[in-house]
Amino acid sequence: MNNPQKSGNGLFSPVKLGLFVHWGLYAIPGWHEQHQYRLRVPRAEYGKLMHEFNPVKFNPEAWLDRAQATGMEYLTFTAKHQDGFCMWHTQQTDFHIGNTPYRRDIFGELATACHRRNFPLCVYYCVVDNHHPNYTNRGIGHELPRPVAGDEPDVLKYAEYMKAQARELCSNYGPLATFWWDVNSDLKHHDPGINEMIRQLQPDILINDRGMSDGDFSTMERHWAPELEGELAFTKKMEACDSIGVESWGWRKDEDYFTTKYLCQRIDLALAKGGNYLLNAGPMADGTFPDVAVQMLNEIGAWYGKVKESLAGTQPASNLTENRSVLLTRRGDTLYVHLNPEPNSSRVVLSPLTQIPLRAILLNDGRTVDCRVELLPSTHVKQEKVLRLCNLPAAEYAGSVMVVRLDFESLDAAIALGNSRDTVAADRAKVM
């Protein structure tokens, strides 16, 4: 962490699954959350969507019901995306939810619902702004190709605008768990004062690493950097994020969706390494989630509810085995074996462990797992027996992530025994 003295608000301890919600004017055309930028829509034409936005079915309680049924424990909401439209009653621009036919304060109602349930609320704020006259649209990254006639590009004036809006969000809506900046990679503005102000207004808040200065946690979007994929455990606060849709984070009418198996694997991967995971679903223009999103969240929740004990409140422990085809987590004398990615056979070998556990349970359905300690043809070099989980229902759970719970009388003793035998075997192999 860049700010190690920051204790935070417990959002990452234990690791948690959260709901990301991308929602705004772009839900009306239902093509992409970067509709204006990607389709080169003139600002004046895109702005007309404000007069059509009327999400009469928006119900924050229903959103939270959906999140909690999935096992999610916090929510991050896009207060302002790169189109510049604000989902709260801001005093800094007329381009906000209060000037739509709906009029009501979306973020305010969501905040009220979250606080009523003691459900942590996080705010997303995009630095790029395709609407504001002081933003320096130069055709870089997610920006418009050039300023619109009448614009007055000015980085410092725009920074003051952002600071004023951050002050509103952090002053008027109760406690916020995180401030989630995005796309300062385009503006490249450095101003530690904005984050300092946020921390003064919200002393317990955590700030991500995409803003104008150092943050408290790192964000990994979609595909991670190779070095992070290869880490057995994250060395700093991490939050991975992805959307249920392949093409868009906002609702898309003709979306291609990831499989629930893939999303379960990514959730398991991030949490087993000690990170959080933020899964996005975009509501439709009326404020409800599409049926396919509800179905996917139900399926993910059914899996997560059965294996959650292996992720929340555990410690990454993949270093305890040489098998890089599995992930391990630990709680006391219990070791959890995450078969992620899916196994290509019905067995898992956990060298150098050589002790039979007291119990071995497949969390997905509660069945007992057959465990043996034996010398295998493939492990003949060390001439040592290894712990083998046998007859796993790999084909039956090909669409999910299996997790096996192993309860030991003393896991530390089992680890020490395995390591000592591994050392003796290595020495014997050198002599031979």
Protein backbone atom coordinates (compact mmCIF):
# COMPACT_ATOMS: atom_id res chain seq x y z
CA MET A 1 0.00 0.00 0.00
CA ASN A 2 1.13 3.53 -0.69
CA ASN A 3 -0.43 4.70 2.57
CA PRO A 4 0.48 1.94 5.05
CA GLN A 5 -0.64 3.87 8.12
CA LYS A 6 -4.19 3.92 6.79
CA SER A 7 -6.14 1.28 8.72
CA GLY A 8 -9.22 1.68 6.55
CA ASN A 9 -12.79 0.70 7.28
CA GLY A 10 -12.60 -3.08 7.19
CA LEU A 11 -13.77 -3.34 3.59
CA PHE A 12 -10.85 -5.62 2.73
CA SER A 13 -10.78 -7.57 6.00
CA PRO A 14 -11.93 -10.22 5.56
CA VAL A 15 -11.91 -10.25 1.76
CA LYS A 16 -15.25 -9.44 0.24
CA LEU A 17 -17.33 -9.72 -2.91
CA GLY A 18 -18.98 -6.48 -4.01
CA LEU A 19 -21.48 -5.27 -6.61
CA PHE A 20 -20.33 -2.71 -9.18
CA VAL A 21 -23.14 -0.76 -10.87
CA HIS A 22 -22.54 1.20 -14.08
CA TRP A 23 -25.70 3.19 -14.77
CA GLY A 24 -26.49 6.47 -16.45
CA LEU A 25 -27.90 8.03 -19.61
CA TYR A 26 -26.11 5.41 -21.69
CA ALA A 27 -28.67 2.85 -20.53
CA ILE A 28 -31.23 4.46 -22.86
CA PRO A 29 -29.52 3.50 -26.15
CA GLY A 30 -28.20 0.35 -24.41
CA TRP A 31 -25.00 0.03 -26.44
CA HIS A 32 -22.05 0.88 -24.17
CA GLU A 33 -21.27 3.05 -21.15
CA GLN A 34 -18.89 4.99 -23.42
CA HIS A 35 -21.64 5.47 -26.00
CA GLN A 36 -20.85 9.13 -26.70
CA TYR A 37 -17.10 8.61 -27.03
CA ARG A 38 -17.07 5.34 -28.99
CA LEU A 39 -19.76 6.36 -31.48
CA ARG A 40 -18.44 9.96 -31.81
CA VAL A 41 -21.85 11.35 -30.84
CA PRO A 42 -21.90 15.18 -30.77
CA ARG A 43 -22.26 16.58 -27.26
CA ALA A 44 -25.51 18.41 -28.04
CA GLU A 45 -27.10 15.27 -29.44
CA TYR A 46 -25.99 13.07 -26.55
CA GLY A 47 -27.20 15.64 -24.05
CA LYS A 48 -30.78 15.18 -25.27
CA LEU A 49 -30.83 11.82 -23.49
CA MET A 50 -31.11 13.71 -20.21
CA HIS A 51 -34.66 14.69 -21.14
CA GLU A 52 -35.60 11.04 -21.72
CA PHE A 53 -34.12 9.50 -18.58
CA ASN A 54 -36.97 8.46 -16.31
CA PRO A 55 -36.13 5.24 -14.41
CA VAL A 56 -39.51 4.82 -12.76
CA LYS A 57 -38.72 1.26 -11.64
CA PHE A 58 -35.54 2.18 -9.78
CA ASN A 59 -35.70 0.61 -6.33
CA PRO A 60 -32.48 0.71 -4.29
CA GLU A 61 -33.89 -1.84 -1.85
CA ALA A 62 -34.31 -4.31 -4.71
CA TRP A 63 -30.69 -3.71 -5.76
CA LEU A 64 -29.48 -4.44 -2.26
CA ASP A 65 -31.71 -7.51 -2.01
CA ARG A 66 -30.07 -8.78 -5.19
CA ALA A 67 -26.56 -8.00 -3.96
CA GLN A 68 -27.06 -9.63 -0.57
CA ALA A 69 -28.71 -12.72 -2.09
CA THR A 70 -25.54 -13.14 -4.16
CA GLY A 71 -23.36 -12.89 -1.04
CA MET A 72 -22.09 -9.41 -1.89
CA GLU A 73 -21.15 -7.15 1.02
CA TYR A 74 -20.70 -3.70 -0.52
CA LEU A 75 -21.74 -1.65 -3.55
CA THR A 76 -19.81 0.73 -5.81
CA PHE A 77 -21.92 3.11 -7.89
CA THR A 78 -21.00 5.28 -10.88
CA ALA A 79 -21.93 8.77 -9.69
CA LYS A 80 -20.32 10.27 -12.81
CA HIS A 81 -18.96 8.43 -15.81
CA GLN A 82 -16.97 9.96 -18.66
CA ASP A 83 -20.06 11.42 -20.32
CA GLY A 84 -20.11 13.90 -17.42
CA PHE A 85 -23.71 13.19 -16.41
CA CYS A 86 -24.13 13.28 -12.62
CA MET A 87 -26.42 10.85 -10.83
CA TRP A 88 -26.83 13.16 -7.83
CA HIS A 89 -28.13 16.69 -7.24
CA THR A 90 -24.89 18.52 -7.81
CA GLN A 91 -24.64 22.31 -7.65
CA GLN A 92 -21.68 22.40 -10.04
CA THR A 93 -23.46 21.69 -13.35
CA ASP A 94 -26.96 21.50 -14.82
CA PHE A 95 -26.11 18.13 -16.36
CA HIS A 96 -27.52 15.99 -13.56
CA ILE A 97 -30.37 13.71 -12.53
CA GLY A 98 -32.38 16.55 -11.00
CA ASN A 99 -33.01 17.99 -14.46
CA THR A 100 -34.41 14.78 -15.93
CA PRO A 101 -38.08 13.77 -15.91
CA TYR A 102 -37.20 11.56 -12.93
CA ARG A 103 -35.80 14.48 -10.87
CA ARG A 104 -35.09 12.45 -7.73
CA ASP A 105 -31.55 12.08 -6.36
CA ILE A 106 -30.48 8.58 -7.40
CA PHE A 107 -27.27 8.51 -5.37
CA GLY A 108 -29.06 9.98 -2.37
CA GLU A 109 -31.74 7.29 -2.40
CA LEU A 110 -29.13 4.60 -2.81
CA ALA A 111 -27.12 6.03 0.09
CA THR A 112 -30.18 6.08 2.33
CA ALA A 113 -30.95 2.44 1.55
CA CYS A 114 -27.34 1.36 2.11
CA HIS A 115 -27.02 3.18 5.43
CA ARG A 116 -30.32 1.71 6.63
CA ARG A 117 -28.85 -1.78 6.16
CA ASN A 118 -25.33 -0.86 7.24
CA PHE A 119 -24.27 -1.91 3.73
CA PRO A 120 -21.01 -0.15 2.70
CA LEU A 121 -21.44 2.27 -0.19
CA CYS A 122 -18.58 3.28 -2.48
CA VAL A 123 -18.64 6.09 -5.01
CA TYR A 124 -17.14 5.90 -8.51
CA TYR A 125 -16.09 9.15 -10.17
CA CYS A 126 -14.59 9.39 -13.65
CA VAL A 127 -11.95 12.07 -14.19
CA VAL A 128 -12.57 12.28 -17.94
CA ASP A 129 -15.58 14.46 -18.76
CA ASN A 130 -16.91 14.69 -22.33
CA HIS A 131 -19.41 17.37 -21.27
CA HIS A 132 -17.60 19.92 -19.12
CA PRO A 133 -16.31 23.03 -20.99
CA ASN A 134 -13.09 23.17 -18.97
CA TYR A 135 -12.09 19.57 -19.63
CA THR A 136 -9.18 19.35 -22.09
CA ASN A 137 -10.60 17.04 -24.73
CA ARG A 138 -7.61 16.24 -26.98
CA GLY A 139 -8.49 12.86 -28.45
CA ILE A 140 -6.32 11.02 -25.91
CA GLY A 141 -7.60 7.77 -24.47
CA HIS A 142 -11.29 8.21 -23.61
CA GLU A 143 -11.52 11.90 -24.50
CA LEU A 144 -13.45 13.53 -27.31
CA PRO A 145 -11.34 14.28 -30.41
CA ARG A 146 -11.32 18.03 -29.74
CA PRO A 147 -13.05 20.69 -27.62
CA VAL A 148 -16.56 21.72 -28.61
CA ALA A 149 -17.14 25.28 -29.83
CA GLY A 150 -17.37 27.54 -26.78
CA ASP A 151 -15.26 25.29 -24.53
CA GLU A 152 -12.49 26.83 -22.47
CA PRO A 153 -10.05 23.96 -21.74
CA ASP A 154 -8.30 24.58 -18.46
CA VAL A 155 -6.87 21.78 -16.31
CA LEU A 156 -6.77 23.81 -13.11
CA LYS A 157 -10.35 25.07 -13.46
CA TYR A 158 -11.53 21.55 -14.20
CA ALA A 159 -9.63 20.22 -11.17
CA GLU A 160 -11.51 22.72 -8.99
CA TYR A 161 -14.76 21.43 -10.48
CA MET A 162 -13.82 17.86 -9.56
CA LYS A 163 -12.81 18.94 -6.07
CA ALA A 164 -16.13 20.71 -5.56
CA GLN A 165 -18.05 17.63 -6.69
CA ALA A 166 -15.96 15.32 -4.50
CA ARG A 167 -16.75 17.65 -1.58
CA GLU A 168 -20.49 17.33 -2.30
CA LEU A 169 -20.34 13.53 -2.49
CA CYS A 170 -18.30 13.25 0.70
CA SER A 171 -20.35 15.80 2.65
CA ASN A 172 -23.98 15.16 1.78
CA TYR A 173 -24.50 11.40 1.67
CA GLY A 174 -23.20 9.95 4.91
CA PRO A 175 -20.28 7.53 5.32
CA LEU A 176 -18.61 6.28 2.15
CA ALA A 177 -16.40 3.19 2.20
CA THR A 178 -14.26 4.02 -0.84
CA PHE A 179 -13.76 6.78 -3.39
CA TRP A 180 -13.18 5.05 -6.73
CA TRP A 181 -11.42 7.38 -9.19
CA ASP A 182 -11.16 6.37 -12.84
CA VAL A 183 -9.28 7.43 -16.00
CA ASN A 184 -6.92 10.07 -14.64
CA SER A 185 -4.58 8.18 -16.96
CA ASP A 186 -5.93 10.49 -19.71
CA LEU A 187 -5.82 13.83 -17.88
CA LYS A 188 -2.62 12.94 -15.97
CA HIS A 189 -3.28 15.63 -13.37
CA HIS A 190 -1.41 15.43 -10.06
CA ASP A 191 -3.09 17.09 -7.08
CA PRO A 192 -2.68 15.42 -3.65
CA GLY A 193 -4.96 18.06 -2.16
CA ILE A 194 -8.10 16.42 -3.55
CA ASN A 195 -7.48 13.10 -1.81
CA GLU A 196 -6.44 14.97 1.35
CA MET A 197 -9.76 16.81 1.33
CA ILE A 198 -11.66 13.54 0.83
CA ARG A 199 -9.88 11.99 3.82
CA GLN A 200 -10.65 15.01 5.98
CA LEU A 201 -14.35 14.78 5.11
CA GLN A 202 -14.46 10.98 5.35
CA PRO A 203 -11.75 9.88 7.85
CA ASP A 204 -12.45 6.16 7.41
CA ILE A 205 -12.60 6.16 3.62
CA LEU A 206 -10.25 4.21 1.36
CA ILE A 207 -9.23 5.71 -2.00
CA ASN A 208 -8.14 3.71 -5.01
CA ASP A 209 -5.00 4.22 -7.08
CA ARG A 210 -6.52 5.86 -10.17
CA GLY A 211 -6.84 9.40 -8.86
CA MET A 212 -4.62 12.46 -8.68
CA SER A 213 -2.27 11.04 -6.02
CA ASP A 214 -1.39 7.85 -4.15
CA GLY A 215 -4.25 5.62 -3.10
CA ASP A 216 -4.91 3.02 -0.43
CA PHE A 217 -5.65 0.07 -2.69
CA SER A 218 -4.93 -1.10 -6.23
CA THR A 219 -7.46 -1.97 -8.88
CA MET A 220 -7.19 -4.70 -11.50
CA GLU A 221 -9.66 -4.58 -14.36
CA ARG A 222 -10.67 -7.49 -16.57
CA HIS A 223 -7.33 -9.15 -17.40
CA TRP A 224 -4.62 -8.73 -14.79
CA ALA A 225 -0.96 -8.02 -15.35
CA PRO A 226 0.99 -11.31 -15.76
CA GLU A 227 2.94 -10.72 -12.54
CA LEU A 228 -0.32 -10.45 -10.57
CA GLU A 229 -1.76 -13.57 -12.19
CA GLY A 230 1.35 -15.43 -11.07
CA GLU A 231 1.39 -14.20 -7.46
CA LEU A 232 0.40 -16.79 -4.86
CA ALA A 233 -0.82 -14.02 -2.55
CA PHE A 234 -1.25 -10.29 -3.07
CA THR A 235 1.28 -8.17 -1.22
CA LYS A 236 -0.97 -5.09 -0.96
CA LYS A 237 -4.67 -4.26 -0.85
CA MET A 238 -6.15 -5.37 -4.17
CA GLU A 239 -9.59 -5.16 -5.71
CA ALA A 240 -10.21 -6.95 -8.97
CA CYS A 241 -13.21 -5.98 -11.07
CA ASP A 242 -15.04 -7.26 -14.12
CA SER A 243 -18.50 -7.13 -15.63
CA ILE A 244 -20.90 -9.92 -16.45
CA GLY A 245 -20.86 -8.65 -20.04
CA VAL A 246 -17.97 -9.06 -22.46
CA GLU A 247 -18.52 -5.83 -24.40
CA SER A 248 -19.93 -3.31 -21.95
CA TRP A 249 -20.13 -2.42 -18.26
CA GLY A 250 -23.40 -0.59 -18.76
CA TRP A 251 -26.47 -2.50 -19.94
CA ARG A 252 -26.16 -3.58 -23.58
CA LYS A 253 -29.20 -4.77 -25.53
CA ASP A 254 -27.31 -7.40 -27.53
CA GLU A 255 -24.64 -8.32 -25.00
CA ASP A 256 -22.35 -11.34 -25.06
CA TYR A 257 -22.11 -12.63 -21.50
CA PHE A 258 -19.31 -14.39 -19.72
CA THR A 259 -20.08 -17.86 -18.43
CA THR A 260 -20.83 -18.12 -14.73
CA LYS A 261 -18.01 -20.67 -14.55
CA TYR A 262 -15.52 -18.07 -15.76
CA LEU A 263 -16.76 -15.44 -13.31
CA CYS A 264 -16.71 -17.91 -10.41
CA GLN A 265 -13.12 -18.76 -11.30
CA ARG A 266 -12.11 -15.10 -11.34
CA ILE A 267 -13.88 -14.40 -8.04
CA ASP A 268 -12.23 -17.42 -6.45
CA LEU A 269 -8.81 -16.45 -7.84
CA ALA A 270 -8.92 -12.91 -6.45
CA LEU A 271 -10.32 -13.79 -3.03
CA ALA A 272 -8.07 -16.83 -2.55
CA LYS A 273 -5.06 -14.57 -3.09
CA GLY A 274 -6.29 -12.12 -0.46
CA GLY A 275 -8.04 -9.52 -2.64
CA ASN A 276 -11.58 -8.23 -3.03
CA TYR A 277 -13.68 -8.74 -6.14
CA LEU A 278 -16.11 -6.23 -7.60
CA LEU A 279 -18.56 -7.76 -10.07
CA ASN A 280 -20.48 -5.36 -12.30
CA ALA A 281 -24.01 -5.56 -13.65
CA GLY A 282 -25.61 -2.67 -15.54
CA PRO A 283 -29.30 -1.88 -14.98
CA MET A 284 -31.60 -1.09 -17.87
CA ALA A 285 -32.94 2.42 -18.42
CA ASP A 286 -35.95 1.76 -16.18
CA GLY A 287 -33.68 0.98 -13.21
CA THR A 288 -34.09 -2.81 -13.13
CA PHE A 289 -31.52 -5.48 -13.86
CA PRO A 290 -32.14 -7.59 -16.99
CA ASP A 291 -33.29 -11.17 -16.47
CA VAL A 292 -29.99 -12.61 -17.65
CA ALA A 293 -28.10 -10.58 -15.01
CA VAL A 294 -30.47 -11.78 -12.29
CA GLN A 295 -30.02 -15.38 -13.39
CA MET A 296 -26.23 -15.07 -13.46
CA LEU A 297 -26.10 -13.45 -10.03
CA ASN A 298 -28.37 -16.21 -8.69
CA GLU A 299 -26.03 -18.89 -10.07
CA ILE A 300 -22.92 -17.16 -8.74
CA GLY A 301 -24.58 -16.66 -5.38
CA ALA A 302 -25.58 -20.32 -5.14
CA TRP A 303 -21.93 -21.34 -5.65
CA TYR A 304 -20.46 -18.61 -3.46
CA GLY A 305 -22.78 -19.36 -0.57
CA LYS A 306 -21.45 -22.93 -0.40
CA VAL A 307 -17.74 -22.07 -0.64
CA LYS A 308 -17.62 -18.69 1.10
CA GLU A 309 -16.10 -20.16 4.27
CA SER A 310 -13.00 -20.99 2.22
CA LEU A 311 -12.53 -17.36 1.16
CA ALA A 312 -13.79 -14.97 3.84
CA GLY A 313 -11.69 -14.95 6.99
CA THR A 314 -9.01 -17.25 5.58
CA GLN A 315 -5.38 -16.65 4.63
CA PRO A 316 -3.77 -17.34 1.23
CA ALA A 317 -1.78 -20.57 1.54
CA SER A 318 -0.90 -21.71 -1.97
CA ASN A 319 2.75 -21.75 -0.95
CA LEU A 320 2.07 -24.95 1.02
CA THR A 321 1.97 -27.08 -2.12
CA GLU A 322 4.09 -27.47 -5.23
CA ASN A 323 0.93 -27.97 -7.27
CA ARG A 324 0.39 -24.75 -9.20
CA SER A 325 -2.88 -26.07 -10.65
CA VAL A 326 -4.73 -25.38 -7.40
CA LEU A 327 -5.10 -22.54 -4.92
CA LEU A 328 -4.99 -23.02 -1.16
CA THR A 329 -6.45 -20.98 1.68
CA ARG A 330 -6.17 -21.67 5.37
CA ARG A 331 -8.01 -21.07 8.63
CA GLY A 332 -6.26 -22.56 11.65
CA ASP A 333 -5.94 -26.32 11.15
CA THR A 334 -8.23 -26.29 8.12
CA LEU A 335 -6.87 -26.17 4.60
CA TYR A 336 -9.11 -25.36 1.64
CA VAL A 337 -8.18 -26.68 -1.79
CA HIS A 338 -9.58 -24.57 -4.63
CA LEU A 339 -9.65 -26.52 -7.88
CA ASN A 340 -9.10 -23.46 -9.99
CA PRO A 341 -8.69 -23.77 -12.91
CA GLU A 342 -10.86 -26.85 -13.22
CA PRO A 343 -8.96 -30.12 -12.88
CA ASN A 344 -8.24 -32.19 -15.98
CA SER A 345 -8.63 -35.44 -14.02
CA SER A 346 -10.42 -36.84 -11.00
CA ARG A 347 -7.45 -36.40 -8.65
CA VAL A 348 -5.38 -33.67 -7.03
CA VAL A 349 -1.90 -34.22 -5.62
CA LEU A 350 -0.77 -31.96 -2.77
CA SER A 351 2.96 -32.56 -2.52
CA PRO A 352 4.81 -32.17 -0.17
CA LEU A 353 1.92 -32.84 2.25
CA THR A 354 1.95 -36.46 3.39
CA GLN A 355 -0.65 -36.60 6.16
CA ILE A 356 -4.22 -37.86 5.88
CA PRO A 357 -6.67 -35.20 7.14
CA LEU A 358 -9.23 -35.98 9.81
CA ARG A 359 -12.00 -35.00 7.41
CA ALA A 360 -12.20 -34.11 3.73
CA ILE A 361 -15.41 -32.49 2.50
CA LEU A 362 -16.38 -31.11 -0.92
CA LEU A 363 -18.00 -27.81 0.04
CA ASN A 364 -20.06 -27.68 -3.17
CA ASP A 365 -22.34 -30.51 -2.02
CA GLY A 366 -21.06 -31.83 1.32
CA ARG A 367 -19.85 -35.21 0.07
CA THR A 368 -16.82 -36.89 1.62
CA VAL A 369 -13.66 -36.85 -0.48
CA ASP A 370 -11.44 -39.92 -0.67
CA CYS A 371 -7.89 -39.11 0.55
CA ARG A 372 -4.83 -41.33 0.29
CA VAL A 373 -1.13 -41.04 1.02
CA GLU A 374 0.87 -43.13 -1.42
CA LEU A 375 3.80 -43.31 -3.79
CA LEU A 376 2.68 -42.55 -7.34
CA PRO A 377 4.48 -43.44 -10.56
CA SER A 378 4.70 -39.72 -11.34
CA THR A 379 6.36 -38.94 -8.01
CA HIS A 380 8.96 -41.72 -8.09
CA VAL A 381 11.95 -39.35 -8.24
CA LYS A 382 11.63 -38.31 -4.59
CA GLN A 383 10.60 -41.83 -3.51
CA GLU A 384 8.17 -40.28 -1.04
CA LYS A 385 4.47 -40.73 -0.60
CA VAL A 386 2.17 -37.74 -1.25
CA LEU A 387 -1.33 -36.70 -0.24
CA ARG A 388 -3.76 -37.45 -3.04
CA LEU A 389 -7.43 -36.45 -3.27
CA CYS A 390 -9.15 -39.15 -5.29
CA ASN A 391 -12.35 -39.70 -7.27
CA LEU A 392 -13.26 -36.02 -7.47
CA PRO A 393 -16.43 -35.31 -9.51
CA ALA A 394 -14.57 -33.18 -12.04
CA ALA A 395 -17.04 -33.76 -14.86
CA GLU A 396 -20.03 -33.12 -12.63
CA TYR A 397 -18.69 -29.71 -11.60
CA ALA A 398 -17.12 -28.73 -14.91
CA GLY A 399 -19.25 -25.57 -14.91
CA SER A 400 -18.20 -24.39 -11.47
CA VAL A 401 -15.26 -24.20 -9.06
CA MET A 402 -14.85 -27.06 -6.61
CA VAL A 403 -13.45 -26.41 -3.14
CA VAL A 404 -12.38 -29.20 -0.79
CA ARG A 405 -12.12 -28.64 2.95
CA LEU A 406 -9.35 -30.59 4.70
CA ASP A 407 -9.42 -30.64 8.52
CA PHE A 408 -6.14 -31.66 10.15
CA GLU A 409 -5.37 -32.48 13.76
CA SER A 410 -2.43 -30.08 13.40
CA LEU A 411 -1.88 -28.44 10.04
CA ASP A 412 1.44 -26.96 11.16
CA ALA A 413 2.69 -30.45 12.04
CA ALA A 414 1.51 -31.76 8.67
CA ILE A 415 3.35 -28.95 6.90
CA ALA A 416 6.52 -29.53 8.90
CA LEU A 417 6.36 -33.28 8.24
CA GLY A 418 5.87 -32.74 4.54
CA ASN A 419 8.73 -30.26 4.32
CA SER A 420 11.12 -32.50 6.26
CA ARG A 421 10.34 -35.52 4.10
CA ASP A 422 10.72 -33.36 1.01
CA THR A 423 14.20 -32.33 2.17
CA VAL A 424 15.23 -35.92 2.90
CA ALA A 425 13.92 -37.07 -0.47
CA ALA A 426 15.83 -34.33 -2.24
CA ASP A 427 19.05 -35.31 -0.48
CA ARG A 428 18.46 -38.96 -1.36
CA ALA A 429 17.92 -38.06 -5.01
CA LYS A 430 21.25 -36.21 -5.09
CA VAL A 431 23.05 -39.29 -3.74
CA MET A 432 21.38 -41.58 -6.24
